[in-house]
């Protein structure tokens, strides 16, 4: 059916549906009201359905018209976004990929700051926990959970992974607990908040207790809450629902603000970290290089 309908008819229909007035739609498209009316009639004839109801000068979309308008509007918006890189006077769009926890806890604010410093540069953030999507060479930059080596990306350390139990001050105060006085056995007996390990190298509470110098004796209790993502576990800790594992580099803002505090004196370094990756086999664009330098600025270790 589509090959029989002039594509311009959909642009005319979109303008008429937004304006609910054929004359205003014509002015927007630089055609006459009569031309709008002819194109709408032709589209209705092709589809075999009325798209507008007409009561004098007032227009309203029929149910068929409303359904078509939603799809046509979404299609035109998608096309407009796809054409943005070709628009004269616009710069390159930089794509960067990061996991959900990195994007939410660490990267988002830094991209906001970069936007203020470089308002002429557009950034597209791909948030995914899929290893293949994170390391895809369609990205300009990536942030990878790694030991520092990758065949396709030159990696620079942003932060080592150091894991420590964390909780909100309100949670601890409501139970009369002094955070630094708690032993591993004390922590194990509290409301633990855990998350699913989708990567064999990720560390949840069971692995963390197994790596510290003085683990609690006996069988570990099940976590009171377990979430599908790390960020959901951190958010539960922020709400005062219990104790989660904090990756110090990722939660630094929450620690600095006092929304979260560390508990006990045990720390576990996993041997992994979060690394900023630049392509190994192609040069960065000047815009991507600016973002790379911004993200590395003063934050390595």
Protein backbone atom coordinates (compact mmCIF):
# COMPACT_ATOMS: atom_id res chain seq x y z
CA UNK A 1 0.00 0.00 0.00
CA UNK A 2 2.77 2.45 0.90
CA UNK A 3 4.18 2.58 -2.63
CA UNK A 4 0.85 3.99 -3.83
CA UNK A 5 0.72 6.84 -1.32
CA UNK A 6 2.81 10.00 -1.89
CA UNK A 7 5.04 10.40 1.19
CA UNK A 8 4.27 14.11 1.21
CA UNK A 9 0.71 13.21 2.19
CA UNK A 10 1.96 12.05 5.59
CA UNK A 11 3.74 15.37 6.22
CA UNK A 12 0.56 17.23 5.30
CA UNK A 13 -1.52 14.96 7.54
CA UNK A 14 0.93 15.47 10.43
CA UNK A 15 0.78 19.27 10.08
CA UNK A 16 -3.02 19.24 9.87
CA UNK A 17 -3.35 16.94 12.89
CA UNK A 18 -1.06 19.14 14.98
CA UNK A 19 -2.78 22.38 13.94
CA UNK A 20 -6.32 21.00 13.71
CA UNK A 21 -6.73 23.54 10.95
CA UNK A 22 -6.08 23.10 7.23
CA UNK A 23 -5.25 26.78 6.69
CA UNK A 24 -2.59 26.84 9.43
CA UNK A 25 -1.16 23.56 8.14
CA UNK A 26 -0.93 25.10 4.68
CA UNK A 27 0.91 28.16 5.98
CA UNK A 28 3.39 25.90 7.82
CA UNK A 29 4.10 23.92 4.63
CA UNK A 30 3.84 26.88 2.21
CA UNK A 31 0.92 25.39 0.30
CA UNK A 32 -2.70 26.49 0.04
CA UNK A 33 -5.58 25.37 2.22
CA UNK A 34 -7.11 23.74 -0.86
CA UNK A 35 -3.92 21.75 -1.47
CA UNK A 36 -3.99 20.49 2.12
CA UNK A 37 -7.59 19.45 1.73
CA UNK A 38 -6.84 17.57 -1.52
CA UNK A 39 -3.91 15.69 0.01
CA UNK A 40 -5.91 14.70 3.10
CA UNK A 41 -8.79 13.51 0.89
CA UNK A 42 -6.35 11.53 -1.25
CA UNK A 43 -4.82 9.91 1.84
CA UNK A 44 -8.26 9.00 3.17
CA UNK A 45 -9.16 7.46 -0.19
CA UNK A 46 -5.97 5.36 -0.23
CA UNK A 47 -6.56 4.15 3.33
CA UNK A 48 -10.29 3.66 2.98
CA UNK A 49 -10.90 5.45 6.26
CA UNK A 50 -11.88 8.92 7.42
CA UNK A 51 -9.07 10.64 9.36
CA UNK A 52 -10.89 13.81 10.44
CA UNK A 53 -14.40 14.69 11.44
CA UNK A 54 -15.48 18.11 10.23
CA UNK A 55 -18.05 20.28 11.98
CA UNK A 56 -17.99 23.62 10.22
CA UNK A 57 -14.53 25.02 10.77
CA UNK A 58 -13.75 22.67 13.65
CA UNK A 59 -11.67 19.55 13.07
CA UNK A 60 -11.18 16.46 15.21
CA UNK A 61 -9.29 13.24 14.58
CA UNK A 62 -11.29 10.07 14.19
CA UNK A 63 -10.04 6.99 16.11
CA UNK A 64 -8.31 5.84 12.90
CA UNK A 65 -6.84 9.31 12.47
CA UNK A 66 -5.56 9.36 16.06
CA UNK A 67 -3.80 6.01 15.64
CA UNK A 68 -2.23 7.08 12.36
CA UNK A 69 -1.15 10.44 13.79
CA UNK A 70 0.70 8.80 16.70
CA UNK A 71 2.64 6.58 14.31
CA UNK A 72 3.34 9.27 11.73
CA UNK A 73 4.52 11.72 14.42
CA UNK A 74 6.85 9.13 15.96
CA UNK A 75 8.24 8.26 12.51
CA UNK A 76 8.88 11.88 11.56
CA UNK A 77 10.55 12.59 14.92
CA UNK A 78 12.79 9.55 14.46
CA UNK A 79 13.71 10.70 10.95
CA UNK A 80 14.45 14.21 12.22
CA UNK A 81 16.82 12.81 14.87
CA UNK A 82 18.50 10.58 12.28
CA UNK A 83 19.18 13.58 10.05
CA UNK A 84 20.61 15.71 12.85
CA UNK A 85 24.28 14.80 12.14
CA UNK A 86 23.85 16.04 8.54
CA UNK A 87 22.39 19.39 9.51
CA UNK A 88 24.59 22.28 8.42
CA UNK A 89 26.37 23.97 11.29
CA UNK A 90 25.97 21.11 13.78
CA UNK A 91 28.94 19.28 15.18
CA UNK A 92 29.57 15.60 15.49
CA UNK A 93 27.51 13.56 17.93
CA UNK A 94 29.82 11.67 20.29
CA UNK A 95 28.62 8.27 21.44
CA UNK A 96 29.77 6.86 24.76
CA UNK A 97 28.72 3.55 26.31
CA UNK A 98 28.61 2.71 30.01
CA UNK A 99 26.80 0.35 32.36
CA UNK A 100 23.67 1.42 34.17
CA UNK A 101 25.42 1.86 37.51
CA UNK A 102 28.30 3.88 36.03
CA UNK A 103 25.89 6.04 34.00
CA UNK A 104 23.62 6.76 36.96
CA UNK A 105 26.13 7.11 39.78
CA UNK A 106 29.22 8.59 38.12
CA UNK A 107 28.94 9.55 34.47
CA UNK A 108 25.67 11.49 34.34
CA UNK A 109 26.86 14.51 36.33
CA UNK A 110 30.15 14.62 34.42
CA UNK A 111 28.33 14.67 31.09
CA UNK A 112 26.17 17.49 32.41
CA UNK A 113 29.30 19.44 33.36
CA UNK A 114 30.82 18.73 29.95
CA UNK A 115 27.68 20.07 28.27
CA UNK A 116 28.07 23.35 30.14
CA UNK A 117 31.74 23.62 29.16
CA UNK A 118 31.20 22.56 25.52
CA UNK A 119 27.61 23.46 24.58
CA UNK A 120 28.27 22.97 20.88
CA UNK A 121 29.08 19.27 21.23
CA UNK A 122 26.29 16.70 21.39
CA UNK A 123 26.73 13.48 23.34
CA UNK A 124 24.74 10.27 23.01
CA UNK A 125 24.93 7.96 26.04
CA UNK A 126 24.29 4.25 25.51
CA UNK A 127 23.42 2.68 28.86
CA UNK A 128 23.69 -1.10 28.78
CA UNK A 129 24.99 -3.99 30.85
CA UNK A 130 25.62 -6.13 27.77
CA UNK A 131 29.41 -6.70 27.39
CA UNK A 132 29.17 -6.86 23.60
CA UNK A 133 27.25 -3.57 23.37
CA UNK A 134 29.58 -1.86 25.85
CA UNK A 135 32.67 -2.83 23.83
CA UNK A 136 31.11 -2.26 20.40
CA UNK A 137 33.35 -0.28 18.05
CA UNK A 138 30.34 1.74 16.94
CA UNK A 139 30.96 3.77 20.11
CA UNK A 140 33.44 6.64 20.20
CA UNK A 141 34.27 6.09 23.87
CA UNK A 142 33.44 3.36 26.37
CA UNK A 143 33.69 2.80 30.11
CA UNK A 144 34.49 -0.85 30.80
CA UNK A 145 34.69 -2.98 33.94
CA UNK A 146 38.07 -4.55 33.37
CA UNK A 147 41.56 -5.37 34.60
CA UNK A 148 42.96 -2.87 32.11
CA UNK A 149 43.45 -4.85 28.90
CA UNK A 150 41.19 -5.06 25.86
CA UNK A 151 41.98 -6.06 22.25
CA UNK A 152 40.03 -3.18 20.65
CA UNK A 153 40.23 -0.38 23.21
CA UNK A 154 43.08 1.55 24.81
CA UNK A 155 42.05 1.67 28.45
CA UNK A 156 42.89 4.29 31.08
CA UNK A 157 41.98 3.70 34.71
CA UNK A 158 39.23 5.92 36.11
CA UNK A 159 38.85 4.17 39.48
CA UNK A 160 39.78 0.90 41.12
CA UNK A 161 36.93 -1.20 42.45
CA UNK A 162 37.07 -1.04 46.25
CA UNK A 163 34.02 -2.56 47.96
CA UNK A 164 32.78 -1.72 51.45
CA UNK A 165 29.40 -2.04 53.22
CA UNK A 166 27.37 1.16 53.21
CA UNK A 167 24.14 2.41 54.76
CA UNK A 168 22.24 5.61 55.34
CA UNK A 169 22.89 7.42 58.63
CA UNK A 170 19.16 7.18 59.42
CA UNK A 171 19.21 3.38 59.18
CA UNK A 172 22.14 3.18 61.61
CA UNK A 173 20.76 5.81 63.99
CA UNK A 174 17.38 4.08 64.21
CA UNK A 175 19.17 0.99 65.52
CA UNK A 176 21.68 2.81 67.71
CA UNK A 177 24.62 1.53 65.66
CA UNK A 178 28.07 3.09 65.41
CA UNK A 179 29.22 2.35 61.85
CA UNK A 180 32.95 1.93 62.43
CA UNK A 181 32.43 -0.28 65.49
CA UNK A 182 30.55 -2.98 63.57
CA UNK A 183 32.34 -6.28 62.93
CA UNK A 184 31.76 -8.54 59.94
CA UNK A 185 29.53 -10.73 62.12
CA UNK A 186 27.49 -7.68 63.15
CA UNK A 187 27.07 -6.66 59.52
CA UNK A 188 26.03 -10.16 58.44
CA UNK A 189 23.25 -10.12 61.04
CA UNK A 190 21.72 -6.85 59.74
CA UNK A 191 19.43 -6.16 56.78
CA UNK A 192 21.66 -6.98 53.83
CA UNK A 193 20.78 -5.62 50.39
CA UNK A 194 22.28 -7.55 47.50
CA UNK A 195 22.11 -7.68 43.70
CA UNK A 196 22.30 -10.32 41.00
CA UNK A 197 25.71 -11.12 39.52
CA UNK A 198 25.41 -11.03 35.74
CA UNK A 199 29.19 -11.06 35.39
CA UNK A 200 31.28 -13.84 36.94
CA UNK A 201 33.76 -11.23 38.19
CA UNK A 202 31.19 -9.15 40.05
CA UNK A 203 31.26 -9.39 43.83
CA UNK A 204 28.16 -9.61 45.97
CA UNK A 205 28.00 -10.04 49.74
CA UNK A 206 28.77 -13.78 49.71
CA UNK A 207 32.02 -13.23 47.80
CA UNK A 208 32.85 -10.14 49.84
CA UNK A 209 32.57 -11.94 53.19
CA UNK A 210 34.72 -14.73 51.75
CA UNK A 211 37.55 -12.33 50.88
CA UNK A 212 37.89 -10.33 54.08
CA UNK A 213 40.41 -11.28 56.75
CA UNK A 214 37.95 -12.18 59.48
CA UNK A 215 34.71 -13.48 57.92
CA UNK A 216 31.72 -14.30 60.11
CA UNK A 217 31.54 -17.88 61.31
CA UNK A 218 28.79 -20.21 60.24
CA UNK A 219 26.38 -20.02 57.34
CA UNK A 220 25.68 -16.57 56.00
CA UNK A 221 22.03 -15.46 56.18
CA UNK A 222 20.20 -14.69 52.98
CA UNK A 223 20.01 -11.00 52.05
CA UNK A 224 16.78 -9.36 53.16
CA UNK A 225 16.50 -7.70 49.74
CA UNK A 226 18.02 -8.68 46.40
CA UNK A 227 17.71 -6.58 43.25
CA UNK A 228 18.32 -7.23 39.58
CA UNK A 229 20.70 -4.25 39.28
CA UNK A 230 23.40 -2.69 41.42
CA UNK A 231 21.90 0.79 41.22
CA UNK A 232 18.62 -0.48 42.70
CA UNK A 233 20.56 -1.89 45.66
CA UNK A 234 22.27 1.48 46.23
CA UNK A 235 18.95 3.30 46.01
CA UNK A 236 17.46 0.94 48.62
CA UNK A 237 20.37 1.77 50.94
CA UNK A 238 19.75 5.48 50.37
CA UNK A 239 16.13 4.96 51.42
CA UNK A 240 17.31 3.44 54.70
CA UNK A 241 16.25 -0.13 53.94
CA UNK A 242 19.49 -1.81 54.99
CA UNK A 243 23.16 -2.32 54.17
CA UNK A 244 24.49 -2.61 50.61
CA UNK A 245 27.95 -3.07 49.14
CA UNK A 246 29.36 0.20 47.94
CA UNK A 247 31.92 0.61 45.18
CA UNK A 248 33.75 3.62 46.61
CA UNK A 249 34.50 5.36 43.34
CA UNK A 250 30.93 5.09 42.10
CA UNK A 251 29.27 6.33 45.29
CA UNK A 252 31.73 9.10 46.14
CA UNK A 253 29.09 11.82 45.73
CA UNK A 254 26.73 10.10 48.16
CA UNK A 255 29.57 9.65 50.66
CA UNK A 256 30.67 13.26 50.29
CA UNK A 257 27.11 14.54 50.85
CA UNK A 258 26.62 12.30 53.88
CA UNK A 259 23.67 10.46 52.32
CA UNK A 260 25.62 7.23 52.80
CA UNK A 261 28.38 6.20 55.22
CA UNK A 262 30.80 3.29 55.17
CA UNK A 263 30.48 0.55 57.77
CA UNK A 264 33.21 -1.41 59.55
CA UNK A 265 36.88 -1.44 58.66
CA UNK A 266 37.05 -4.18 56.02
CA UNK A 267 37.70 -3.30 52.39
CA UNK A 268 37.96 -5.59 49.38
CA UNK A 269 39.87 -4.65 46.24
CA UNK A 270 38.56 -6.87 43.47
CA UNK A 271 41.48 -6.41 41.09
CA UNK A 272 39.07 -4.90 38.59
CA UNK A 273 38.23 -1.28 37.97
CA UNK A 274 36.38 1.10 35.68
CA UNK A 275 38.37 2.14 32.63
CA UNK A 276 37.79 4.78 30.00
CA UNK A 277 38.37 3.31 26.56
CA UNK A 278 39.44 5.03 23.35
CA UNK A 279 39.58 3.14 20.03
CA UNK A 280 42.82 1.20 19.51
CA UNK A 281 42.72 1.25 15.71
CA UNK A 282 41.30 4.66 14.81
CA UNK A 283 41.91 8.20 15.93
CA UNK A 284 39.49 10.06 18.14
CA UNK A 285 37.67 13.01 16.62
CA UNK A 286 38.55 16.38 18.19
CA UNK A 287 35.16 16.43 19.94
CA UNK A 288 35.56 12.92 21.34
CA UNK A 289 39.07 13.86 22.44
CA UNK A 290 37.64 16.77 24.41
CA UNK A 291 35.22 14.48 26.23
CA UNK A 292 37.99 11.94 26.85
CA UNK A 293 40.16 14.61 28.49
CA UNK A 294 37.21 15.93 30.50
CA UNK A 295 36.40 12.53 31.96
CA UNK A 296 40.04 11.87 32.85
CA UNK A 297 40.57 15.31 34.35
CA UNK A 298 41.79 14.88 37.89
CA UNK A 299 40.21 11.46 38.31
CA UNK A 300 42.61 8.57 38.02
CA UNK A 301 43.63 6.08 40.67
